[in-house]
Amino acid sequence: MSETEPMNINERRKYLNKMWGRFKRANKREKIKLLDEMEAVIGMHRKSIIRILNNQLSRKKRSGERGRTYGEDVDDTIRKIALS
């Protein structure tokens, strides 16, 4: 990752995991400074960062895969268009 590219989700979570201990031990003034720093580094909104730090740092897996959106008739039509 270069300095100009935004962080991906996994990189953000790693960074927040490292900052979590410092954030939990900090007093109110220090937390304000830490949140300012985290906001600048990862580019997320302050409230989102607080929500992640206070709840769950690990990512949740999806409960299940999404179902089909379209039926067979749409698939047939798309197949015909693709072949022509």
PDB file of N, CA and C in Angstrom:
ATOM      1  N   MET A   1       0.836  -1.177   0.000  1.00  0.00           N
ATOM      2  CA  MET A   1       0.000   0.000   0.000  1.00  0.00           C
ATOM      3  C   MET A   1       0.883   1.244   0.000  1.00  0.00           C
ATOM      4  N   SER A   2       0.574   2.168  -0.879  1.00  0.00           N
ATOM      5  CA  SER A   2       1.315   3.423  -0.889  1.00  0.00           C
ATOM      6  C   SER A   2       0.622   4.426   0.026  1.00  0.00           C
ATOM      7  N   GLU A   3       1.266   5.553   0.233  1.00  0.00           N
ATOM      8  CA  GLU A   3       0.706   6.551   1.141  1.00  0.00           C
ATOM      9  C   GLU A   3      -0.552   7.203   0.590  1.00  0.00           C
ATOM     10  N   THR A   4      -0.731   7.189  -0.715  1.00  0.00           N
ATOM     11  CA  THR A   4      -1.894   7.860  -1.305  1.00  0.00           C
ATOM     12  C   THR A   4      -3.118   6.955  -1.392  1.00  0.00           C
ATOM     13  N   GLU A   5      -2.928   5.645  -1.331  1.00  0.00           N
ATOM     14  CA  GLU A   5      -4.055   4.716  -1.406  1.00  0.00           C
ATOM     15  C   GLU A   5      -4.763   4.637  -0.062  1.00  0.00           C
ATOM     16  N   PRO A   6      -6.087   4.554  -0.079  1.00  0.00           N
ATOM     17  CA  PRO A   6      -6.796   4.379   1.204  1.00  0.00           C
ATOM     18  C   PRO A   6      -6.569   2.981   1.760  1.00  0.00           C
ATOM     19  N   MET A   7      -6.696   2.851   3.078  1.00  0.00           N
ATOM     20  CA  MET A   7      -6.517   1.547   3.730  1.00  0.00           C
ATOM     21  C   MET A   7      -7.680   0.637   3.365  1.00  0.00           C
ATOM     22  N   ASN A   8      -7.401  -0.653   3.234  1.00  0.00           N
ATOM     23  CA  ASN A   8      -8.508  -1.586   3.050  1.00  0.00           C
ATOM     24  C   ASN A   8      -9.043  -1.979   4.431  1.00  0.00           C
ATOM     25  N   ILE A   9     -10.108  -2.748   4.456  1.00  0.00           N
ATOM     26  CA  ILE A   9     -10.784  -3.074   5.709  1.00  0.00           C
ATOM     27  C   ILE A   9      -9.862  -3.805   6.673  1.00  0.00           C
ATOM     28  N   ASN A  10      -9.107  -4.771   6.189  1.00  0.00           N
ATOM     29  CA  ASN A  10      -8.221  -5.547   7.069  1.00  0.00           C
ATOM     30  C   ASN A  10      -7.111  -4.680   7.668  1.00  0.00           C
ATOM     31  N   GLU A  11      -6.565  -3.764   6.881  1.00  0.00           N
ATOM     32  CA  GLU A  11      -5.528  -2.868   7.389  1.00  0.00           C
ATOM     33  C   GLU A  11      -6.088  -1.942   8.460  1.00  0.00           C
ATOM     34  N   ARG A  12      -7.320  -1.449   8.241  1.00  0.00           N
ATOM     35  CA  ARG A  12      -7.959  -0.594   9.244  1.00  0.00           C
ATOM     36  C   ARG A  12      -8.160  -1.341  10.549  1.00  0.00           C
ATOM     37  N   ARG A  13      -8.619  -2.595  10.456  1.00  0.00           N
ATOM     38  CA  ARG A  13      -8.859  -3.387  11.663  1.00  0.00           C
ATOM     39  C   ARG A  13      -7.559  -3.664  12.410  1.00  0.00           C
ATOM     40  N   LYS A  14      -6.472  -3.927  11.693  1.00  0.00           N
ATOM     41  CA  LYS A  14      -5.180  -4.140  12.340  1.00  0.00           C
ATOM     42  C   LYS A  14      -4.746  -2.888  13.093  1.00  0.00           C
ATOM     43  N   TYR A  15      -4.909  -1.746  12.454  1.00  0.00           N
ATOM     44  CA  TYR A  15      -4.538  -0.472  13.074  1.00  0.00           C
ATOM     45  C   TYR A  15      -5.388  -0.231  14.328  1.00  0.00           C
ATOM     46  N   LEU A  16      -6.691  -0.455  14.229  1.00  0.00           N
ATOM     47  CA  LEU A  16      -7.575  -0.239  15.378  1.00  0.00           C
ATOM     48  C   LEU A  16      -7.275  -1.219  16.507  1.00  0.00           C
ATOM     49  N   ASN A  17      -6.883  -2.441  16.175  1.00  0.00           N
ATOM     50  CA  ASN A  17      -6.478  -3.402  17.205  1.00  0.00           C
ATOM     51  C   ASN A  17      -5.258  -2.902  17.978  1.00  0.00           C
ATOM     52  N   LYS A  18      -4.312  -2.305  17.259  1.00  0.00           N
ATOM     53  CA  LYS A  18      -3.116  -1.774  17.913  1.00  0.00           C
ATOM     54  C   LYS A  18      -3.459  -0.577  18.798  1.00  0.00           C
ATOM     55  N   MET A  19      -4.400   0.251  18.358  1.00  0.00           N
ATOM     56  CA  MET A  19      -4.757   1.458  19.093  1.00  0.00           C
ATOM     57  C   MET A  19      -5.728   1.187  20.237  1.00  0.00           C
ATOM     58  N   TRP A  20      -6.378   0.047  20.247  1.00  0.00           N
ATOM     59  CA  TRP A  20      -7.424  -0.256  21.220  1.00  0.00           C
ATOM     60  C   TRP A  20      -6.930  -0.150  22.664  1.00  0.00           C
ATOM     61  N   GLY A  21      -5.774  -0.722  22.948  1.00  0.00           N
ATOM     62  CA  GLY A  21      -5.229  -0.683  24.306  1.00  0.00           C
ATOM     63  C   GLY A  21      -4.943   0.727  24.771  1.00  0.00           C
ATOM     64  N   ARG A  22      -4.328   1.521  23.896  1.00  0.00           N
ATOM     65  CA  ARG A  22      -4.042   2.916  24.233  1.00  0.00           C
ATOM     66  C   ARG A  22      -5.332   3.684  24.479  1.00  0.00           C
ATOM     67  N   PHE A  23      -6.343   3.408  23.661  1.00  0.00           N
ATOM     68  CA  PHE A  23      -7.623   4.111  23.776  1.00  0.00           C
ATOM     69  C   PHE A  23      -8.314   3.759  25.089  1.00  0.00           C
ATOM     70  N   LYS A  24      -8.294   2.498  25.479  1.00  0.00           N
ATOM     71  CA  LYS A  24      -8.960   2.064  26.709  1.00  0.00           C
ATOM     72  C   LYS A  24      -8.293   2.632  27.962  1.00  0.00           C
ATOM     73  N   ARG A  25      -6.977   2.795  27.933  1.00  0.00           N
ATOM     74  CA  ARG A  25      -6.245   3.315  29.098  1.00  0.00           C
ATOM     75  C   ARG A  25      -6.271   4.838  29.185  1.00  0.00           C
ATOM     76  N   ALA A  26      -6.650   5.514  28.118  1.00  0.00           N
ATOM     77  CA  ALA A  26      -6.543   6.974  28.050  1.00  0.00           C
ATOM     78  C   ALA A  26      -7.661   7.665  28.822  1.00  0.00           C
ATOM     79  N   ASN A  27      -7.338   8.881  29.292  1.00  0.00           N
ATOM     80  CA  ASN A  27      -8.382   9.701  29.887  1.00  0.00           C
ATOM     81  C   ASN A  27      -9.108  10.455  28.762  1.00  0.00           C
ATOM     82  N   LYS A  28     -10.059  11.309  29.115  1.00  0.00           N
ATOM     83  CA  LYS A  28     -10.903  11.934  28.099  1.00  0.00           C
ATOM     84  C   LYS A  28     -10.103  12.795  27.111  1.00  0.00           C
ATOM     85  N   ARG A  29      -9.172  13.600  27.604  1.00  0.00           N
ATOM     86  CA  ARG A  29      -8.373  14.454  26.711  1.00  0.00           C
ATOM     87  C   ARG A  29      -7.523  13.622  25.755  1.00  0.00           C
ATOM     88  N   GLU A  30      -6.935  12.571  26.275  1.00  0.00           N
ATOM     89  CA  GLU A  30      -6.103  11.699  25.438  1.00  0.00           C
ATOM     90  C   GLU A  30      -6.954  10.980  24.401  1.00  0.00           C
ATOM     91  N   LYS A  31      -8.156  10.574  24.790  1.00  0.00           N
ATOM     92  CA  LYS A  31      -9.048   9.903  23.841  1.00  0.00           C
ATOM     93  C   LYS A  31      -9.408  10.825  22.682  1.00  0.00           C
ATOM     94  N   ILE A  32      -9.627  12.108  22.976  1.00  0.00           N
ATOM     95  CA  ILE A  32      -9.934  13.077  21.927  1.00  0.00           C
ATOM     96  C   ILE A  32      -8.785  13.152  20.932  1.00  0.00           C
ATOM     97  N   LYS A  33      -7.553  13.222  21.458  1.00  0.00           N
ATOM     98  CA  LYS A  33      -6.378  13.282  20.583  1.00  0.00           C
ATOM     99  C   LYS A  33      -6.206  11.989  19.787  1.00  0.00           C
ATOM    100  N   LEU A  34      -6.405  10.847  20.450  1.00  0.00           N
ATOM    101  CA  LEU A  34      -6.285   9.562  19.755  1.00  0.00           C
ATOM    102  C   LEU A  34      -7.338   9.431  18.658  1.00  0.00           C
ATOM    103  N   LEU A  35      -8.567   9.848  18.950  1.00  0.00           N
ATOM    104  CA  LEU A  35      -9.620   9.773  17.933  1.00  0.00           C
ATOM    105  C   LEU A  35      -9.301  10.679  16.747  1.00  0.00           C
ATOM    106  N   ASP A  36      -8.763  11.876  17.011  1.00  0.00           N
ATOM    107  CA  ASP A  36      -8.353  12.767  15.921  1.00  0.00           C
ATOM    108  C   ASP A  36      -7.300  12.091  15.047  1.00  0.00           C
ATOM    109  N   GLU A  37      -6.324  11.451  15.708  1.00  0.00           N
ATOM    110  CA  GLU A  37      -5.256  10.759  14.977  1.00  0.00           C
ATOM    111  C   GLU A  37      -5.813   9.599  14.145  1.00  0.00           C
ATOM    112  N   MET A  38      -6.656   8.769  14.778  1.00  0.00           N
ATOM    113  CA  MET A  38      -7.222   7.619  14.066  1.00  0.00           C
ATOM    114  C   MET A  38      -8.090   8.067  12.897  1.00  0.00           C
ATOM    115  N   GLU A  39      -8.840   9.132  13.101  1.00  0.00           N
ATOM    116  CA  GLU A  39      -9.698   9.660  12.041  1.00  0.00           C
ATOM    117  C   GLU A  39      -8.861  10.101  10.841  1.00  0.00           C
ATOM    118  N   ALA A  40      -7.731  10.759  11.116  1.00  0.00           N
ATOM    119  CA  ALA A  40      -6.856  11.222  10.039  1.00  0.00           C
ATOM    120  C   ALA A  40      -6.160  10.063   9.337  1.00  0.00           C
ATOM    121  N   VAL A  41      -5.748   9.048  10.094  1.00  0.00           N
ATOM    122  CA  VAL A  41      -4.989   7.946   9.514  1.00  0.00           C
ATOM    123  C   VAL A  41      -5.863   7.030   8.668  1.00  0.00           C
ATOM    124  N   ILE A  42      -7.015   6.610   9.203  1.00  0.00           N
ATOM    125  CA  ILE A  42      -7.804   5.606   8.478  1.00  0.00           C
ATOM    126  C   ILE A  42      -8.947   6.200   7.670  1.00  0.00           C
ATOM    127  N   GLY A  43      -9.283   7.473   7.895  1.00  0.00           N
ATOM    128  CA  GLY A  43     -10.289   8.127   7.069  1.00  0.00           C
ATOM    129  C   GLY A  43     -11.722   7.721   7.363  1.00  0.00           C
ATOM    130  N   MET A  44     -11.970   7.218   8.555  1.00  0.00           N
ATOM    131  CA  MET A  44     -13.341   6.871   8.941  1.00  0.00           C
ATOM    132  C   MET A  44     -13.908   7.985   9.808  1.00  0.00           C
ATOM    133  N   HIS A  45     -15.231   8.009   9.922  1.00  0.00           N
ATOM    134  CA  HIS A  45     -15.868   8.984  10.788  1.00  0.00           C
ATOM    135  C   HIS A  45     -15.624   8.617  12.245  1.00  0.00           C
ATOM    136  N   ARG A  46     -15.578   9.633  13.069  1.00  0.00           N
ATOM    137  CA  ARG A  46     -15.284   9.486  14.489  1.00  0.00           C
ATOM    138  C   ARG A  46     -16.233   8.507  15.183  1.00  0.00           C
ATOM    139  N   LYS A  47     -17.531   8.636  14.917  1.00  0.00           N
ATOM    140  CA  LYS A  47     -18.515   7.790  15.567  1.00  0.00           C
ATOM    141  C   LYS A  47     -18.328   6.320  15.172  1.00  0.00           C
ATOM    142  N   SER A  48     -17.964   6.072  13.934  1.00  0.00           N
ATOM    143  CA  SER A  48     -17.717   4.699  13.486  1.00  0.00           C
ATOM    144  C   SER A  48     -16.524   4.100  14.220  1.00  0.00           C
ATOM    145  N   ILE A  49     -15.491   4.896  14.408  1.00  0.00           N
ATOM    146  CA  ILE A  49     -14.304   4.424  15.122  1.00  0.00           C
ATOM    147  C   ILE A  49     -14.662   4.092  16.571  1.00  0.00           C
ATOM    148  N   ILE A  50     -15.418   4.962  17.220  1.00  0.00           N
ATOM    149  CA  ILE A  50     -15.827   4.732  18.606  1.00  0.00           C
ATOM    150  C   ILE A  50     -16.658   3.463  18.705  1.00  0.00           C
ATOM    151  N   ARG A  51     -17.581   3.278  17.760  1.00  0.00           N
ATOM    152  CA  ARG A  51     -18.442   2.098  17.769  1.00  0.00           C
ATOM    153  C   ARG A  51     -17.610   0.826  17.644  1.00  0.00           C
ATOM    154  N   ILE A  52     -16.629   0.834  16.774  1.00  0.00           N
ATOM    155  CA  ILE A  52     -15.775  -0.346  16.588  1.00  0.00           C
ATOM    156  C   ILE A  52     -14.936  -0.598  17.838  1.00  0.00           C
ATOM    157  N   LEU A  53     -14.353   0.444  18.407  1.00  0.00           N
ATOM    158  CA  LEU A  53     -13.491   0.279  19.577  1.00  0.00           C
ATOM    159  C   LEU A  53     -14.267  -0.173  20.808  1.00  0.00           C
ATOM    160  N   ASN A  54     -15.510   0.247  20.939  1.00  0.00           N
ATOM    161  CA  ASN A  54     -16.299  -0.114  22.121  1.00  0.00           C
ATOM    162  C   ASN A  54     -16.988  -1.462  21.991  1.00  0.00           C
ATOM    163  N   ASN A  55     -17.223  -1.930  20.796  1.00  0.00           N
ATOM    164  CA  ASN A  55     -17.967  -3.169  20.627  1.00  0.00           C
ATOM    165  C   ASN A  55     -17.079  -4.340  20.266  1.00  0.00           C
ATOM    166  N   GLN A  56     -16.896  -4.539  19.006  1.00  0.00           N
ATOM    167  CA  GLN A  56     -16.208  -5.750  18.566  1.00  0.00           C
ATOM    168  C   GLN A  56     -15.171  -5.394  17.522  1.00  0.00           C
ATOM    169  N   LEU A  57     -13.924  -5.707  17.813  1.00  0.00           N
ATOM    170  CA  LEU A  57     -12.845  -5.403  16.883  1.00  0.00           C
ATOM    171  C   LEU A  57     -12.751  -6.420  15.751  1.00  0.00           C
ATOM    172  N   SER A  58     -13.173  -7.652  16.017  1.00  0.00           N
ATOM    173  CA  SER A  58     -13.072  -8.667  14.964  1.00  0.00           C
ATOM    174  C   SER A  58     -14.267  -8.553  14.016  1.00  0.00           C
ATOM    175  N   ARG A  59     -14.040  -8.928  12.787  1.00  0.00           N
ATOM    176  CA  ARG A  59     -15.091  -8.854  11.777  1.00  0.00           C
ATOM    177  C   ARG A  59     -16.002 -10.062  11.880  1.00  0.00           C
ATOM    178  N   LYS A  60     -17.273  -9.859  11.601  1.00  0.00           N
ATOM    179  CA  LYS A  60     -18.239 -10.951  11.622  1.00  0.00           C
ATOM    180  C   LYS A  60     -18.367 -11.546  10.230  1.00  0.00           C
ATOM    181  N   LYS A  61     -18.539 -12.847  10.168  1.00  0.00           N
ATOM    182  CA  LYS A  61     -18.793 -13.495   8.888  1.00  0.00           C
ATOM    183  C   LYS A  61     -20.268 -13.370   8.558  1.00  0.00           C
ATOM    184  N   ARG A  62     -20.584 -13.383   7.298  1.00  0.00           N
ATOM    185  CA  ARG A  62     -21.982 -13.348   6.888  1.00  0.00           C
ATOM    186  C   ARG A  62     -22.692 -14.604   7.350  1.00  0.00           C
ATOM    187  N   SER A  63     -23.946 -14.447   7.709  1.00  0.00           N
ATOM    188  CA  SER A  63     -24.701 -15.598   8.192  1.00  0.00           C
ATOM    189  C   SER A  63     -25.012 -16.582   7.067  1.00  0.00           C
ATOM    190  N   GLY A  64     -25.128 -16.086   5.857  1.00  0.00           N
ATOM    191  CA  GLY A  64     -25.385 -16.965   4.725  1.00  0.00           C
ATOM    192  C   GLY A  64     -25.190 -16.225   3.418  1.00  0.00           C
ATOM    193  N   GLU A  65     -25.083 -16.960   2.368  1.00  0.00           N
ATOM    194  CA  GLU A  65     -24.917 -16.347   1.065  1.00  0.00           C
ATOM    195  C   GLU A  65     -26.233 -15.740   0.604  1.00  0.00           C
ATOM    196  N   ARG A  66     -26.124 -14.757  -0.245  1.00  0.00           N
ATOM    197  CA  ARG A  66     -27.316 -14.139  -0.800  1.00  0.00           C
ATOM    198  C   ARG A  66     -27.946 -15.076  -1.820  1.00  0.00           C
ATOM    199  N   GLY A  67     -29.247 -15.018  -1.899  1.00  0.00           N
ATOM    200  CA  GLY A  67     -29.961 -15.849  -2.860  1.00  0.00           C
ATOM    201  C   GLY A  67     -29.939 -15.251  -4.251  1.00  0.00           C
ATOM    202  N   ARG A  68     -30.508 -15.985  -5.191  1.00  0.00           N
ATOM    203  CA  ARG A  68     -30.585 -15.498  -6.564  1.00  0.00           C
ATOM    204  C   ARG A  68     -31.531 -14.314  -6.627  1.00  0.00           C
ATOM    205  N   THR A  69     -31.177 -13.346  -7.442  1.00  0.00           N
ATOM    206  CA  THR A  69     -32.011 -12.163  -7.591  1.00  0.00           C
ATOM    207  C   THR A  69     -33.001 -12.342  -8.731  1.00  0.00           C
ATOM    208  N   TYR A  70     -32.565 -12.978  -9.798  1.00  0.00           N
ATOM    209  CA  TYR A  70     -33.400 -13.120 -10.982  1.00  0.00           C
ATOM    210  C   TYR A  70     -33.768 -14.585 -11.200  1.00  0.00           C
ATOM    211  N   GLY A  71     -34.832 -14.781 -11.935  1.00  0.00           N
ATOM    212  CA  GLY A  71     -35.287 -16.131 -12.223  1.00  0.00           C
ATOM    213  C   GLY A  71     -34.685 -16.677 -13.504  1.00  0.00           C
ATOM    214  N   GLU A  72     -35.127 -17.856 -13.879  1.00  0.00           N
ATOM    215  CA  GLU A  72     -34.618 -18.537 -15.071  1.00  0.00           C
ATOM    216  C   GLU A  72     -34.945 -17.777 -16.347  1.00  0.00           C
ATOM    217  N   ASP A  73     -36.120 -17.128 -16.413  1.00  0.00           N
ATOM    218  CA  ASP A  73     -36.500 -16.408 -17.628  1.00  0.00           C
ATOM    219  C   ASP A  73     -35.517 -15.278 -17.928  1.00  0.00           C
ATOM    220  N   VAL A  74     -35.035 -14.593 -16.905  1.00  0.00           N
ATOM    221  CA  VAL A  74     -34.052 -13.521 -17.107  1.00  0.00           C
ATOM    222  C   VAL A  74     -32.720 -14.115 -17.547  1.00  0.00           C
ATOM    223  N   ASP A  75     -32.321 -15.233 -16.945  1.00  0.00           N
ATOM    224  CA  ASP A  75     -31.072 -15.907 -17.348  1.00  0.00           C
ATOM    225  C   ASP A  75     -31.127 -16.322 -18.819  1.00  0.00           C
ATOM    226  N   ASP A  76     -32.264 -16.846 -19.264  1.00  0.00           N
ATOM    227  CA  ASP A  76     -32.416 -17.249 -20.665  1.00  0.00           C
ATOM    228  C   ASP A  76     -32.294 -16.049 -21.593  1.00  0.00           C
ATOM    229  N   THR A  77     -32.922 -14.955 -21.232  1.00  0.00           N
ATOM    230  CA  THR A  77     -32.869 -13.744 -22.051  1.00  0.00           C
ATOM    231  C   THR A  77     -31.441 -13.219 -22.143  1.00  0.00           C
ATOM    232  N   ILE A  78     -30.727 -13.194 -21.046  1.00  0.00           N
ATOM    233  CA  ILE A  78     -29.342 -12.726 -21.044  1.00  0.00           C
ATOM    234  C   ILE A  78     -28.468 -13.643 -21.891  1.00  0.00           C
ATOM    235  N   ARG A  79     -28.695 -14.947 -21.816  1.00  0.00           N
ATOM    236  CA  ARG A  79     -27.940 -15.904 -22.611  1.00  0.00           C
ATOM    237  C   ARG A  79     -28.164 -15.659 -24.105  1.00  0.00           C
ATOM    238  N   LYS A  80     -29.427 -15.389 -24.493  1.00  0.00           N
ATOM    239  CA  LYS A  80     -29.745 -15.119 -25.897  1.00  0.00           C
ATOM    240  C   LYS A  80     -29.065 -13.841 -26.382  1.00  0.00           C
ATOM    241  N   ILE A  81     -29.081 -12.811 -25.540  1.00  0.00           N
ATOM    242  CA  ILE A  81     -28.436 -11.535 -25.912  1.00  0.00           C
ATOM    243  C   ILE A  81     -26.936 -11.726 -26.056  1.00  0.00           C
ATOM    244  N   ALA A  82     -26.331 -12.495 -25.172  1.00  0.00           N
ATOM    245  CA  ALA A  82     -24.889 -12.707 -25.197  1.00  0.00           C
ATOM    246  C   ALA A  82     -24.473 -13.485 -26.448  1.00  0.00           C
ATOM    247  N   LEU A  83     -25.300 -14.419 -26.909  1.00  0.00           N
ATOM    248  CA  LEU A  83     -24.968 -15.213 -28.076  1.00  0.00           C
ATOM    249  C   LEU A  83     -25.142 -14.457 -29.387  1.00  0.00           C
ATOM    250  N   SER A  84     -25.972 -13.421 -29.393  1.00  0.00           N
ATOM    251  CA  SER A  84     -26.198 -12.688 -30.653  1.00  0.00           C
ATOM    252  C   SER A  84     -25.196 -11.595 -30.892  1.00  0.00           C
TER     253      SER A  84
END
